[in-house]
């Protein structure tokens, strides 16, 4: 999880005051994969952002994070 947080921080060029939270959750909604990973960024001076990746945290690569986070920069 630490590596994912560090990668998110680097990809989004976040300062040390911004919180990065990575949680692996069991998904109980119909049609949802059994495990998903939620990434949240909580900056001190901005809007919180959240992304859901539909796979376990240990299977998420830097490329997966880049695709999810950078593609959604308009948020």
N, C-alpha and C. Protein backbone atom coordinates (compact mmCIF):
# COMPACT_ATOMS: atom_id res chain seq x y z
N UNK A 1 0.83 -1.19 0.00
CA UNK A 1 0.00 0.00 0.00
C UNK A 1 0.88 1.26 0.00
N UNK A 2 1.99 1.17 0.72
CA UNK A 2 2.87 2.34 0.80
C UNK A 2 3.38 2.73 -0.58
N UNK A 3 3.76 1.72 -1.37
CA UNK A 3 4.27 1.99 -2.72
C UNK A 3 3.20 2.64 -3.58
N UNK A 4 1.95 2.17 -3.47
CA UNK A 4 0.86 2.79 -4.23
C UNK A 4 0.67 4.25 -3.82
N UNK A 5 0.71 4.52 -2.54
CA UNK A 5 0.56 5.91 -2.07
C UNK A 5 1.68 6.78 -2.61
N UNK A 6 2.90 6.28 -2.55
CA UNK A 6 4.03 7.04 -3.06
C UNK A 6 3.91 7.30 -4.56
N UNK A 7 3.45 6.32 -5.29
CA UNK A 7 3.27 6.47 -6.74
C UNK A 7 2.19 7.49 -7.04
N UNK A 8 1.08 7.45 -6.32
CA UNK A 8 0.01 8.44 -6.51
C UNK A 8 0.55 9.84 -6.23
N UNK A 9 1.27 9.98 -5.15
CA UNK A 9 1.84 11.28 -4.77
C UNK A 9 2.75 11.81 -5.88
N UNK A 10 3.57 10.93 -6.43
CA UNK A 10 4.49 11.32 -7.50
C UNK A 10 3.73 11.67 -8.79
N UNK A 11 2.79 10.83 -9.20
CA UNK A 11 2.06 11.05 -10.45
C UNK A 11 1.27 12.36 -10.44
N UNK A 12 0.72 12.70 -9.28
CA UNK A 12 -0.10 13.92 -9.18
C UNK A 12 0.69 15.12 -8.67
N UNK A 13 1.98 14.92 -8.43
CA UNK A 13 2.85 15.99 -7.94
C UNK A 13 2.25 16.65 -6.70
N UNK A 14 1.92 15.82 -5.71
CA UNK A 14 1.28 16.31 -4.49
C UNK A 14 2.31 16.76 -3.47
N UNK A 15 1.94 17.76 -2.69
CA UNK A 15 2.82 18.20 -1.60
C UNK A 15 2.61 17.30 -0.39
N UNK A 16 3.44 17.49 0.62
CA UNK A 16 3.39 16.64 1.80
C UNK A 16 2.14 16.87 2.65
N UNK A 17 1.46 17.98 2.44
CA UNK A 17 0.25 18.28 3.22
C UNK A 17 -0.99 17.57 2.68
N UNK A 18 -0.91 17.03 1.47
CA UNK A 18 -2.04 16.31 0.88
C UNK A 18 -2.05 14.87 1.37
N UNK A 19 -3.19 14.42 1.82
CA UNK A 19 -3.32 13.04 2.29
C UNK A 19 -3.66 12.13 1.11
N UNK A 20 -3.03 10.97 1.08
CA UNK A 20 -3.33 9.94 0.08
C UNK A 20 -3.77 8.71 0.85
N UNK A 21 -4.95 8.20 0.52
CA UNK A 21 -5.50 7.03 1.19
C UNK A 21 -5.72 5.94 0.14
N UNK A 22 -5.23 4.74 0.42
CA UNK A 22 -5.45 3.59 -0.46
C UNK A 22 -6.08 2.50 0.39
N UNK A 23 -7.24 2.04 -0.04
CA UNK A 23 -7.95 0.99 0.71
C UNK A 23 -8.37 -0.11 -0.24
N UNK A 24 -8.17 -1.33 0.16
CA UNK A 24 -8.66 -2.48 -0.58
C UNK A 24 -9.95 -2.92 0.07
N UNK A 25 -11.01 -3.00 -0.72
CA UNK A 25 -12.34 -3.29 -0.19
C UNK A 25 -12.97 -4.47 -0.89
N UNK A 26 -13.85 -5.15 -0.18
CA UNK A 26 -14.67 -6.19 -0.78
C UNK A 26 -15.88 -5.51 -1.40
N UNK A 27 -16.12 -5.79 -2.66
CA UNK A 27 -17.24 -5.18 -3.36
C UNK A 27 -18.43 -6.13 -3.30
N UNK A 28 -19.56 -5.62 -2.83
CA UNK A 28 -20.75 -6.46 -2.68
C UNK A 28 -21.84 -6.11 -3.69
N UNK A 29 -21.57 -5.14 -4.56
CA UNK A 29 -22.57 -4.75 -5.55
C UNK A 29 -22.63 -5.79 -6.67
N UNK A 30 -23.82 -6.00 -7.24
CA UNK A 30 -23.95 -6.97 -8.34
C UNK A 30 -23.08 -6.58 -9.53
N UNK A 31 -22.37 -7.56 -10.10
CA UNK A 31 -21.54 -7.33 -11.26
C UNK A 31 -20.18 -6.73 -10.96
N UNK A 32 -19.90 -6.45 -9.72
CA UNK A 32 -18.64 -5.85 -9.32
C UNK A 32 -17.63 -6.96 -9.03
N UNK A 33 -16.36 -6.76 -9.38
CA UNK A 33 -15.35 -7.76 -9.01
C UNK A 33 -15.34 -7.94 -7.48
N UNK A 34 -14.89 -9.08 -7.00
CA UNK A 34 -14.95 -9.35 -5.56
C UNK A 34 -14.09 -8.40 -4.71
N UNK A 35 -13.02 -7.87 -5.30
CA UNK A 35 -12.14 -6.96 -4.55
C UNK A 35 -11.85 -5.75 -5.43
N UNK A 36 -11.89 -4.58 -4.82
CA UNK A 36 -11.52 -3.36 -5.54
C UNK A 36 -10.62 -2.52 -4.64
N UNK A 37 -9.86 -1.65 -5.27
CA UNK A 37 -8.98 -0.76 -4.53
C UNK A 37 -9.42 0.67 -4.77
N UNK A 38 -9.61 1.40 -3.69
CA UNK A 38 -10.04 2.79 -3.78
C UNK A 38 -8.86 3.68 -3.40
N UNK A 39 -8.61 4.67 -4.24
CA UNK A 39 -7.56 5.64 -4.01
C UNK A 39 -8.24 6.99 -3.81
N UNK A 40 -7.90 7.66 -2.73
CA UNK A 40 -8.46 8.98 -2.46
C UNK A 40 -7.33 9.96 -2.18
N UNK A 41 -7.50 11.17 -2.69
CA UNK A 41 -6.54 12.25 -2.45
C UNK A 41 -7.30 13.37 -1.77
N UNK A 42 -6.78 13.79 -0.63
CA UNK A 42 -7.42 14.83 0.17
C UNK A 42 -6.44 15.99 0.36
N UNK A 43 -6.42 16.93 -0.59
CA UNK A 43 -5.51 18.05 -0.47
C UNK A 43 -5.99 19.04 0.59
N UNK A 44 -5.05 19.73 1.20
CA UNK A 44 -5.40 20.71 2.23
C UNK A 44 -6.16 21.89 1.65
N UNK A 45 -5.89 22.22 0.41
CA UNK A 45 -6.47 23.43 -0.16
C UNK A 45 -7.24 23.17 -1.46
N UNK A 46 -7.98 22.07 -1.50
CA UNK A 46 -8.72 21.77 -2.72
C UNK A 46 -9.76 20.71 -2.49
N UNK A 47 -10.35 20.27 -3.59
CA UNK A 47 -11.40 19.26 -3.53
C UNK A 47 -10.80 17.86 -3.45
N UNK A 48 -11.42 17.03 -2.64
CA UNK A 48 -11.01 15.63 -2.55
C UNK A 48 -11.35 14.93 -3.86
N UNK A 49 -10.52 13.98 -4.25
CA UNK A 49 -10.76 13.19 -5.46
C UNK A 49 -10.65 11.71 -5.10
N UNK A 50 -11.37 10.88 -5.86
CA UNK A 50 -11.41 9.46 -5.55
C UNK A 50 -11.47 8.65 -6.85
N UNK A 51 -10.75 7.55 -6.86
CA UNK A 51 -10.75 6.64 -8.00
C UNK A 51 -10.92 5.22 -7.49
N UNK A 52 -11.62 4.40 -8.26
CA UNK A 52 -11.80 2.99 -7.92
C UNK A 52 -11.17 2.15 -9.02
N UNK A 53 -10.28 1.27 -8.63
CA UNK A 53 -9.66 0.34 -9.57
C UNK A 53 -10.18 -1.05 -9.21
N UNK A 54 -10.70 -1.73 -10.19
CA UNK A 54 -11.38 -3.00 -9.95
C UNK A 54 -10.42 -4.19 -9.97
N UNK A 55 -9.51 -4.16 -8.99
CA UNK A 55 -8.58 -5.27 -8.79
C UNK A 55 -7.92 -5.12 -7.42
N UNK A 56 -7.34 -6.18 -6.90
CA UNK A 56 -6.65 -6.10 -5.60
C UNK A 56 -5.46 -5.15 -5.68
N UNK A 57 -5.12 -4.54 -4.58
CA UNK A 57 -4.02 -3.57 -4.52
C UNK A 57 -2.70 -4.17 -4.99
N UNK A 58 -2.44 -5.43 -4.66
CA UNK A 58 -1.15 -6.03 -5.04
C UNK A 58 -1.04 -6.33 -6.53
N UNK A 59 -2.12 -6.12 -7.29
CA UNK A 59 -2.09 -6.32 -8.73
C UNK A 59 -2.07 -5.00 -9.51
N UNK A 60 -2.09 -3.88 -8.81
CA UNK A 60 -2.12 -2.57 -9.46
C UNK A 60 -0.70 -2.12 -9.76
N UNK A 61 -0.48 -1.74 -11.01
CA UNK A 61 0.83 -1.29 -11.45
C UNK A 61 0.86 0.24 -11.55
N UNK A 62 2.04 0.77 -11.72
CA UNK A 62 2.17 2.22 -11.93
C UNK A 62 1.40 2.64 -13.18
N UNK A 63 1.44 1.82 -14.22
CA UNK A 63 0.69 2.14 -15.44
C UNK A 63 -0.81 2.18 -15.19
N UNK A 64 -1.31 1.28 -14.34
CA UNK A 64 -2.74 1.29 -13.99
C UNK A 64 -3.09 2.60 -13.30
N UNK A 65 -2.25 3.00 -12.34
CA UNK A 65 -2.50 4.25 -11.62
C UNK A 65 -2.42 5.44 -12.57
N UNK A 66 -1.42 5.46 -13.41
CA UNK A 66 -1.27 6.56 -14.36
C UNK A 66 -2.51 6.68 -15.23
N UNK A 67 -3.00 5.56 -15.75
CA UNK A 67 -4.19 5.59 -16.60
C UNK A 67 -5.40 6.12 -15.85
N UNK A 68 -5.59 5.70 -14.62
CA UNK A 68 -6.76 6.14 -13.86
C UNK A 68 -6.65 7.58 -13.40
N UNK A 69 -5.52 7.97 -12.86
CA UNK A 69 -5.36 9.30 -12.27
C UNK A 69 -5.15 10.39 -13.30
N UNK A 70 -4.28 10.15 -14.24
CA UNK A 70 -3.94 11.19 -15.21
C UNK A 70 -5.09 11.40 -16.19
N UNK A 71 -5.77 10.35 -16.57
CA UNK A 71 -6.89 10.47 -17.48
C UNK A 71 -8.00 11.31 -16.86
N UNK A 72 -8.11 11.27 -15.55
CA UNK A 72 -9.19 11.94 -14.84
C UNK A 72 -8.74 13.28 -14.23
N UNK A 73 -7.76 13.93 -14.84
CA UNK A 73 -7.26 15.20 -14.31
C UNK A 73 -8.29 16.32 -14.35
N UNK A 74 -9.30 16.20 -15.17
CA UNK A 74 -10.32 17.24 -15.25
C UNK A 74 -11.15 17.32 -13.98
N UNK A 75 -11.10 16.30 -13.17
CA UNK A 75 -11.91 16.20 -11.96
C UNK A 75 -11.42 17.12 -10.89
